[in-house]
Amino acid sequence: MKNNKNERIRPGFWVAFGFVFLIAFLLLSILGNRWYTYLVAGAAGFAVLMIRTKLPLNGIRCAALWVMCIGILALSIYFGRSTLSVSFTGDLFNKGVRSVNHIYVRFTGTTIFHNAMLNGQPQSYVFGNWKVPEGYQNSIIPLSKSSAYLLTKDSGNHAKAIFQLHGGGYVGVFQDIYNDRALQYAANYDDADVFSLDYRTAPKNLFPGALEDAVEGYHWLLEHGYEAENIIFCGDSAGGGLALATALYLRDHDLPLPKMLILSSPWTDLSAEGESYSTNLTKDAIFGYPSAEMAPRYPVPILYAGDHDLRDPYLSPAYGDYTAMPPMLIQTGADEILLSDSRTVAEKAKTAGVDVKLIEYEGMYHSFYIATPFIKEGKKAWAEIKTFIAEHE
């Protein structure tokens, strides 16, 4: 009778067993867990098999067995990671995206992002689709060849402004995620107004189109009552590089500089000559490749550059001179290929006597606090922004 009972429930048991341990070993593999965690997981599986097939179990005992098993697997997955100093969510996102990207590369020859940049057609941003929070106003600002969006809080500080420059490799257009980030920037700068530039992008508009739009947008702020000493440039990825290029242009043309620059994983070297383009090639979740042999000369497509000199500081700020530049905070992921883009700028700025702070986050990916502000590292990065702004008020 006992054997017959076990036989009747065996199909469902095997389905559950296979599902649980498939997920467990998949996570162990993705997270790159230490070797002994595989032994623990295997031992847990063997124990479940022995107990379930040899002993009669009622519903409560069976549930307890599964709870114990899943608990052991969860602890092994979490504590067996090689990067315990990195949050589990951040670690899983970083290595999960990297794994998917590497699989995609092996089938297509290129990364998901690289393929999207080369073959995707950028769509214009549709203003008005984003739900403006209660107590805020969002207005479209037409410029000569581009647009901007001015987000203001009814009870905010309208003397201060954030000038936000979005990322996207100079190909991607403004997206609603930057409206969400605008709210966070404002909250960290006395509820300041946020001017988000929707600059022209490649392949239709090449260098110096985005720079021209950024300079024009800055002039708009100055002409509408915002003092340079109350304006902060904030940019991520290409937007971070554009923020630096714009500041260099302003300084070179004797125009008032912004109060400071807040930069997330700035793309500053379109020539891709930095050390991390090779040392972090297989680590980078977004732009990385399984091996150097599979990678193109430019892992991040340089469509925006056209035939222009890739070492022009207004295109690649890593080659600029940082004398008399405003204070800057640079935050970047330690695993990304653009790491040296940040290091080079920080080193040059420091040498020039600029107040610069570079923070590298272990196990983090490109523009992590823009894409995933809710993870532990993202929250810490936003706290650093608030602190840096307060220290330089």
Protein backbone atom coordinates (compact mmCIF):
# COMPACT_ATOMS: atom_id res chain seq x y z
CA MET A 1 0.00 0.00 0.00
CA LYS A 2 2.77 2.47 0.80
CA ASN A 3 4.49 1.88 -2.50
CA ASN A 4 1.21 2.37 -4.39
CA LYS A 5 0.60 5.62 -2.61
CA ASN A 6 4.04 6.90 -3.47
CA GLU A 7 3.52 5.79 -7.06
CA ARG A 8 0.32 7.79 -7.37
CA ILE A 9 1.96 11.08 -6.34
CA ARG A 10 5.26 10.51 -8.12
CA PRO A 11 4.52 12.39 -11.42
CA GLY A 12 3.69 15.63 -9.64
CA PHE A 13 6.65 15.21 -7.33
CA TRP A 14 9.04 14.78 -10.21
CA VAL A 15 7.70 17.85 -11.97
CA ALA A 16 8.18 19.95 -8.82
CA PHE A 17 11.57 18.43 -8.13
CA GLY A 18 12.80 19.08 -11.66
CA PHE A 19 11.52 22.67 -11.67
CA VAL A 20 13.00 23.61 -8.28
CA PHE A 21 16.42 22.17 -8.94
CA LEU A 22 16.59 23.42 -12.52
CA ILE A 23 16.02 26.98 -11.25
CA ALA A 24 18.48 26.45 -8.41
CA PHE A 25 21.32 25.21 -10.60
CA LEU A 26 20.59 27.86 -13.21
CA LEU A 27 20.96 30.58 -10.55
CA LEU A 28 24.13 28.95 -9.23
CA SER A 29 25.57 29.02 -12.72
CA ILE A 30 24.51 32.59 -13.54
CA LEU A 31 25.79 33.98 -10.25
CA GLY A 32 29.07 32.11 -10.54
CA ASN A 33 28.72 30.54 -7.11
CA ARG A 34 31.58 28.75 -5.39
CA TRP A 35 32.04 25.06 -6.12
CA TYR A 36 30.86 23.80 -2.74
CA THR A 37 27.39 25.32 -3.21
CA TYR A 38 26.81 22.85 -6.03
CA LEU A 39 27.62 20.04 -3.59
CA VAL A 40 25.20 21.45 -1.02
CA ALA A 41 22.46 21.76 -3.65
CA GLY A 42 23.16 18.24 -4.91
CA ALA A 43 23.09 16.84 -1.38
CA ALA A 44 19.78 18.59 -0.73
CA GLY A 45 18.34 17.04 -3.87
CA PHE A 46 19.59 13.60 -2.96
CA ALA A 47 18.11 13.92 0.56
CA VAL A 48 14.73 14.98 -0.83
CA LEU A 49 14.72 11.99 -3.19
CA MET A 50 15.60 9.56 -0.43
CA ILE A 51 13.08 10.90 2.06
CA ARG A 52 10.28 11.27 -0.42
CA THR A 53 10.64 7.90 -2.09
CA LYS A 54 11.47 5.81 0.98
CA LEU A 55 9.18 7.22 3.65
CA PRO A 56 5.41 7.76 3.66
CA LEU A 57 4.65 11.46 4.03
CA ASN A 58 1.35 13.21 4.63
CA GLY A 59 0.59 16.68 3.28
CA ILE A 60 2.07 18.60 6.21
CA ARG A 61 5.28 16.58 6.27
CA CYS A 62 5.64 16.85 2.51
CA ALA A 63 5.23 20.64 2.68
CA ALA A 64 7.79 20.81 5.48
CA LEU A 65 10.23 18.81 3.37
CA TRP A 66 9.90 21.23 0.47
CA VAL A 67 10.24 24.27 2.74
CA MET A 68 13.43 22.85 4.21
CA CYS A 69 14.80 21.97 0.77
CA ILE A 70 14.03 25.36 -0.78
CA GLY A 71 15.44 27.08 2.30
CA ILE A 72 18.75 25.21 1.95
CA LEU A 73 18.89 26.01 -1.77
CA ALA A 74 18.12 29.69 -1.16
CA LEU A 75 20.83 29.99 1.48
CA SER A 76 23.33 28.24 -0.79
CA ILE A 77 22.49 30.50 -3.71
CA TYR A 78 22.70 33.67 -1.64
CA PHE A 79 25.71 33.00 0.58
CA GLY A 80 27.69 30.96 -1.95
CA ARG A 81 28.12 33.91 -4.30
CA SER A 82 31.68 35.00 -5.12
CA THR A 83 30.64 38.65 -4.67
CA LEU A 84 28.86 38.74 -1.33
CA SER A 85 29.68 42.44 -0.95
CA VAL A 86 27.33 43.12 -3.88
CA SER A 87 23.58 43.15 -3.25
CA PHE A 88 21.80 40.00 -4.40
CA THR A 89 19.45 41.98 -6.67
CA GLY A 90 22.28 43.90 -8.28
CA ASP A 91 24.41 40.79 -8.66
CA LEU A 92 21.55 38.85 -10.25
CA PHE A 93 20.66 41.68 -12.63
CA ASN A 94 24.27 42.21 -13.66
CA LYS A 95 25.13 38.56 -14.23
CA GLY A 96 21.69 37.63 -15.55
CA VAL A 97 21.74 40.28 -18.27
CA ARG A 98 25.34 39.38 -19.08
CA SER A 99 24.42 35.71 -19.49
CA VAL A 100 21.50 36.52 -21.79
CA ASN A 101 23.68 38.90 -23.79
CA HIS A 102 26.45 36.32 -24.21
CA ILE A 103 23.94 33.74 -25.44
CA TYR A 104 22.56 36.33 -27.87
CA VAL A 105 26.08 37.06 -29.13
CA ARG A 106 26.77 33.40 -29.81
CA PHE A 107 23.64 33.18 -31.97
CA THR A 108 23.82 36.57 -33.71
CA GLY A 109 27.43 37.70 -33.48
CA THR A 110 26.60 40.94 -31.67
CA THR A 111 25.10 42.17 -28.39
CA ILE A 112 21.46 43.09 -27.98
CA PHE A 113 22.31 46.75 -27.44
CA HIS A 114 24.80 46.88 -30.33
CA ASN A 115 22.24 45.34 -32.66
CA ALA A 116 19.55 47.76 -31.51
CA MET A 117 21.80 50.76 -32.12
CA LEU A 118 22.84 49.65 -35.58
CA ASN A 119 19.48 48.43 -36.84
CA GLY A 120 16.83 50.11 -34.72
CA GLN A 121 15.22 53.28 -35.95
CA PRO A 122 14.91 55.85 -33.13
CA GLN A 123 11.36 57.02 -32.54
CA SER A 124 10.50 60.54 -31.44
CA TYR A 125 9.46 60.91 -27.82
CA VAL A 126 5.74 61.41 -27.38
CA PHE A 127 5.26 64.19 -24.88
CA GLY A 128 2.21 63.86 -22.65
CA ASN A 129 2.12 60.09 -22.21
CA TRP A 130 3.95 60.25 -18.88
CA LYS A 131 1.64 60.77 -15.92
CA VAL A 132 2.79 63.90 -14.14
CA PRO A 133 2.62 63.49 -10.34
CA GLU A 134 0.20 65.64 -8.41
CA GLY A 135 1.77 68.96 -7.49
CA TYR A 136 4.05 69.04 -10.54
CA GLN A 137 3.86 70.66 -13.96
CA ASN A 138 5.63 69.39 -17.08
CA SER A 139 6.00 71.70 -20.07
CA ILE A 140 7.51 71.20 -23.51
CA ILE A 141 10.13 73.78 -24.49
CA PRO A 142 10.67 74.12 -28.26
CA LEU A 143 14.22 74.92 -29.31
CA SER A 144 15.47 75.69 -32.81
CA LYS A 145 16.27 72.07 -33.75
CA SER A 146 15.29 70.05 -30.68
CA SER A 147 13.01 70.13 -27.65
CA ALA A 148 13.24 70.07 -23.88
CA TYR A 149 10.86 69.26 -21.05
CA LEU A 150 10.67 71.50 -18.01
CA LEU A 151 9.46 69.71 -14.89
CA THR A 152 8.55 71.99 -12.01
CA LYS A 153 7.07 71.44 -8.57
CA ASP A 154 4.35 73.87 -7.51
CA SER A 155 6.05 74.42 -4.16
CA GLY A 156 9.58 73.94 -5.53
CA ASN A 157 12.64 76.18 -5.69
CA HIS A 158 12.32 77.83 -9.09
CA ALA A 159 15.64 79.65 -8.77
CA LYS A 160 17.53 76.35 -9.09
CA ALA A 161 17.68 74.01 -12.05
CA ILE A 162 18.90 70.58 -13.07
CA PHE A 163 20.00 70.34 -16.71
CA GLN A 164 19.44 66.64 -17.51
CA LEU A 165 21.11 65.01 -20.52
CA HIS A 166 19.90 61.48 -21.22
CA GLY A 167 21.92 58.47 -22.33
CA GLY A 168 21.47 56.13 -25.27
CA GLY A 169 24.72 56.16 -27.23
CA TYR A 170 23.69 59.33 -29.09
CA VAL A 171 21.15 57.12 -30.89
CA GLY A 172 18.42 56.59 -28.32
CA VAL A 173 15.97 59.43 -27.80
CA PHE A 174 14.51 60.72 -24.55
CA GLN A 175 12.37 58.18 -22.66
CA ASP A 176 9.91 58.33 -19.77
CA ILE A 177 12.48 56.80 -17.43
CA TYR A 178 14.22 60.19 -17.48
CA ASN A 179 11.08 61.89 -16.23
CA ASP A 180 11.24 59.52 -13.27
CA ARG A 181 14.91 60.33 -12.75
CA ALA A 182 14.09 64.04 -13.04
CA LEU A 183 11.91 63.68 -9.95
CA GLN A 184 14.81 62.11 -8.07
CA TYR A 185 17.30 64.76 -9.16
CA ALA A 186 14.90 67.50 -8.10
CA ALA A 187 14.33 65.89 -4.70
CA ASN A 188 18.08 65.95 -4.09
CA TYR A 189 18.44 69.62 -5.03
CA ASP A 190 15.84 71.52 -3.01
CA ASP A 191 12.98 70.58 -5.37
CA ALA A 192 14.68 72.42 -8.23
CA ASP A 193 13.20 72.70 -11.70
CA VAL A 194 14.47 70.04 -14.13
CA PHE A 195 15.21 70.89 -17.76
CA SER A 196 15.55 67.61 -19.71
CA LEU A 197 16.95 68.01 -23.21
CA ASP A 198 15.66 65.81 -26.02
CA TYR A 199 18.65 66.44 -28.27
CA ARG A 200 19.04 65.31 -31.87
CA THR A 201 20.44 61.81 -32.34
CA ALA A 202 22.28 59.71 -34.90
CA PRO A 203 22.21 58.34 -37.50
CA LYS A 204 20.16 61.22 -38.90
CA ASN A 205 22.02 63.87 -36.90
CA LEU A 206 25.75 63.52 -36.41
CA PHE A 207 28.32 65.43 -34.36
CA PRO A 208 28.11 68.26 -33.34
CA GLY A 209 24.29 68.22 -33.41
CA ALA A 210 23.81 67.07 -29.79
CA LEU A 211 26.44 69.53 -28.55
CA GLU A 212 24.77 72.42 -30.37
CA ASP A 213 21.43 71.48 -28.82
CA ALA A 214 22.96 71.26 -25.34
CA VAL A 215 24.59 74.69 -25.65
CA GLU A 216 21.31 76.16 -26.90
CA GLY A 217 19.42 74.53 -24.03
CA TYR A 218 21.84 76.01 -21.51
CA HIS A 219 21.40 79.45 -23.06
CA TRP A 220 17.63 79.02 -22.72
CA LEU A 221 18.04 78.48 -18.98
CA LEU A 222 20.24 81.56 -18.60
CA GLU A 223 17.86 83.68 -20.66
CA HIS A 224 14.89 82.61 -18.52
CA GLY A 225 16.25 83.70 -15.19
CA TYR A 226 18.32 80.76 -13.99
CA GLU A 227 21.77 81.78 -12.77
CA ALA A 228 24.72 79.60 -13.80
CA GLU A 229 25.66 79.22 -10.13
CA ASN A 230 22.31 77.53 -9.52
CA ILE A 231 22.40 75.09 -12.47
CA ILE A 232 23.65 71.51 -12.16
CA PHE A 233 24.48 69.38 -15.19
CA CYS A 234 23.34 65.74 -14.77
CA GLY A 235 23.98 63.10 -17.42
CA ASP A 236 24.37 59.36 -17.86
CA SER A 237 26.30 57.41 -20.50
CA ALA A 238 26.32 59.50 -23.69
CA GLY A 239 24.50 62.19 -21.73
CA GLY A 240 27.36 62.21 -19.23
CA GLY A 241 29.86 62.66 -22.04
CA LEU A 242 27.68 65.38 -23.53
CA ALA A 243 27.51 67.17 -20.17
CA LEU A 244 31.31 67.21 -20.01
CA ALA A 245 31.65 68.30 -23.64
CA THR A 246 29.17 71.11 -23.08
CA ALA A 247 31.04 72.31 -19.98
CA LEU A 248 34.33 72.24 -21.91
CA TYR A 249 32.74 74.25 -24.73
CA LEU A 250 31.33 76.82 -22.30
CA ARG A 251 34.69 77.29 -20.62
CA ASP A 252 36.54 77.57 -23.93
CA HIS A 253 34.10 80.27 -25.09
CA ASP A 254 34.23 82.27 -21.84
CA LEU A 255 30.63 81.47 -20.93
CA PRO A 256 29.47 80.97 -17.33
CA LEU A 257 29.91 77.43 -16.09
CA PRO A 258 27.30 75.42 -14.17
CA LYS A 259 27.54 74.90 -10.44
CA MET A 260 28.65 71.26 -10.74
CA LEU A 261 28.39 68.09 -12.82
CA ILE A 262 26.75 64.83 -11.68
CA LEU A 263 27.74 62.00 -14.02
CA SER A 264 26.65 58.37 -14.28
CA SER A 265 28.96 56.08 -16.30
CA PRO A 266 29.87 58.88 -18.74
CA TRP A 267 30.87 57.82 -22.27
CA THR A 268 33.93 59.99 -22.78
CA ASP A 269 36.18 58.02 -25.14
CA LEU A 270 34.54 57.14 -28.44
CA SER A 271 37.92 55.90 -29.70
CA ALA A 272 37.60 53.01 -27.20
CA GLU A 273 41.28 53.14 -26.27
CA GLY A 274 40.91 52.87 -22.51
CA GLU A 275 42.24 49.86 -20.61
CA SER A 276 38.81 48.68 -19.46
CA TYR A 277 37.68 48.13 -23.06
CA SER A 278 39.78 44.98 -22.89
CA THR A 279 39.97 44.11 -19.18
CA ASN A 280 36.20 44.37 -18.65
CA LEU A 281 35.07 43.11 -22.04
CA THR A 282 33.75 39.79 -20.75
CA LYS A 283 32.38 41.30 -17.50
CA ASP A 284 30.24 44.07 -18.97
CA ALA A 285 26.56 43.11 -18.94
CA ILE A 286 25.44 45.58 -21.60
CA PHE A 287 28.30 46.07 -24.06
CA GLY A 288 30.42 43.00 -23.29
CA TYR A 289 31.21 39.91 -25.35
CA PRO A 290 32.06 36.31 -24.40
CA SER A 291 35.58 36.78 -25.80
CA ALA A 292 37.80 39.39 -27.42
CA GLU A 293 37.70 37.47 -30.70
CA MET A 294 33.94 38.02 -30.94
CA ALA A 295 34.02 41.73 -30.17
CA PRO A 296 34.02 44.46 -32.84
CA ARG A 297 36.53 47.31 -32.80
CA TYR A 298 33.93 49.55 -31.16
CA PRO A 299 31.72 47.60 -28.71
CA VAL A 300 29.63 50.77 -28.35
CA PRO A 301 28.75 51.87 -31.91
CA ILE A 302 30.08 55.33 -32.76
CA LEU A 303 27.41 56.34 -35.30
CA TYR A 304 27.22 59.86 -33.88
CA ALA A 305 30.90 60.55 -34.66
CA GLY A 306 30.53 60.14 -38.41
CA ASP A 307 33.94 60.84 -39.97
CA HIS A 308 34.96 63.23 -37.21
CA ASP A 309 38.19 62.95 -35.22
CA LEU A 310 37.38 60.61 -32.33
CA ARG A 311 39.83 62.44 -30.08
CA ASP A 312 38.11 65.80 -30.35
CA PRO A 313 37.36 66.74 -26.70
CA TYR A 314 33.90 68.00 -27.70
CA LEU A 315 33.17 64.46 -28.92
CA SER A 316 35.39 62.48 -26.55
CA PRO A 317 35.88 64.55 -23.37
CA ALA A 318 38.49 62.08 -22.13
CA TYR A 319 40.94 63.98 -24.35
CA GLY A 320 40.06 67.39 -22.91
CA ASP A 321 41.88 69.73 -20.54
CA TYR A 322 40.03 70.19 -17.25
CA THR A 323 41.53 73.42 -16.03
CA ALA A 324 38.99 75.66 -14.26
CA MET A 325 36.16 73.16 -14.52
CA PRO A 326 33.38 73.02 -11.88
CA PRO A 327 33.18 70.31 -9.19
CA MET A 328 32.08 66.93 -10.46
CA LEU A 329 30.79 63.66 -9.06
CA ILE A 330 31.36 60.60 -11.24
CA GLN A 331 29.77 57.25 -10.33
CA THR A 332 30.34 54.14 -12.38
CA GLY A 333 30.13 50.36 -12.29
CA ALA A 334 33.39 48.51 -11.76
CA ASP A 335 32.40 45.82 -14.27
CA GLU A 336 31.69 48.04 -17.28
CA ILE A 337 33.95 48.60 -20.27
CA LEU A 338 33.49 52.35 -19.90
CA LEU A 339 35.21 52.31 -16.51
CA SER A 340 38.40 53.85 -17.92
CA ASP A 341 36.32 56.65 -19.48
CA SER A 342 35.47 57.78 -15.95
CA ARG A 343 38.93 57.16 -14.53
CA THR A 344 40.65 59.18 -17.24
CA VAL A 345 38.40 62.19 -16.74
CA ALA A 346 38.72 61.98 -12.95
CA GLU A 347 42.51 61.78 -13.12
CA LYS A 348 42.75 64.73 -15.50
CA ALA A 349 40.36 66.79 -13.44
CA LYS A 350 42.23 66.03 -10.23
CA THR A 351 45.54 66.96 -11.83
CA ALA A 352 44.01 70.25 -12.97
CA GLY A 353 42.93 71.03 -9.41
CA VAL A 354 39.24 70.33 -9.91
CA ASP A 355 37.14 69.11 -6.98
CA VAL A 356 36.26 65.70 -8.37
CA LYS A 357 34.93 62.58 -6.68
CA LEU A 358 34.98 59.23 -8.48
CA ILE A 359 33.10 56.29 -6.98
CA GLU A 360 33.39 52.81 -8.49
CA TYR A 361 30.75 50.31 -7.42
CA GLU A 362 31.83 46.68 -7.24
CA GLY A 363 29.84 44.30 -9.40
CA MET A 364 27.80 47.07 -11.00
CA TYR A 365 26.86 47.64 -14.60
CA HIS A 366 26.50 50.62 -16.91
CA SER A 367 24.38 53.48 -15.51
CA PHE A 368 23.12 51.18 -12.77
CA TYR A 369 21.50 53.88 -10.64
CA ILE A 370 19.61 55.24 -13.63
CA ALA A 371 18.30 51.83 -14.76
CA THR A 372 17.79 50.29 -11.30
CA PRO A 373 17.63 52.98 -8.61
CA PHE A 374 15.81 50.59 -6.26
CA ILE A 375 18.74 48.22 -5.61
CA LYS A 376 21.07 48.76 -2.66
CA GLU A 377 23.85 50.24 -4.79
CA GLY A 378 21.39 52.46 -6.63
CA LYS A 379 20.06 53.88 -3.37
CA LYS A 380 23.60 54.48 -2.17
CA ALA A 381 24.49 56.27 -5.41
CA TRP A 382 21.49 58.59 -5.09
CA ALA A 383 22.45 59.28 -1.47
CA GLU A 384 25.94 60.22 -2.68
CA ILE A 385 24.37 62.67 -5.13
CA LYS A 386 22.43 64.35 -2.36
CA THR A 387 25.52 64.56 -0.15
CA PHE A 388 27.72 65.91 -2.94
CA ILE A 389 25.22 68.61 -3.83
CA ALA A 390 24.83 69.62 -0.17
CA GLU A 391 28.60 69.84 0.29
CA HIS A 392 28.94 72.17 -2.70
CA GLU A 393 26.00 74.47 -2.07
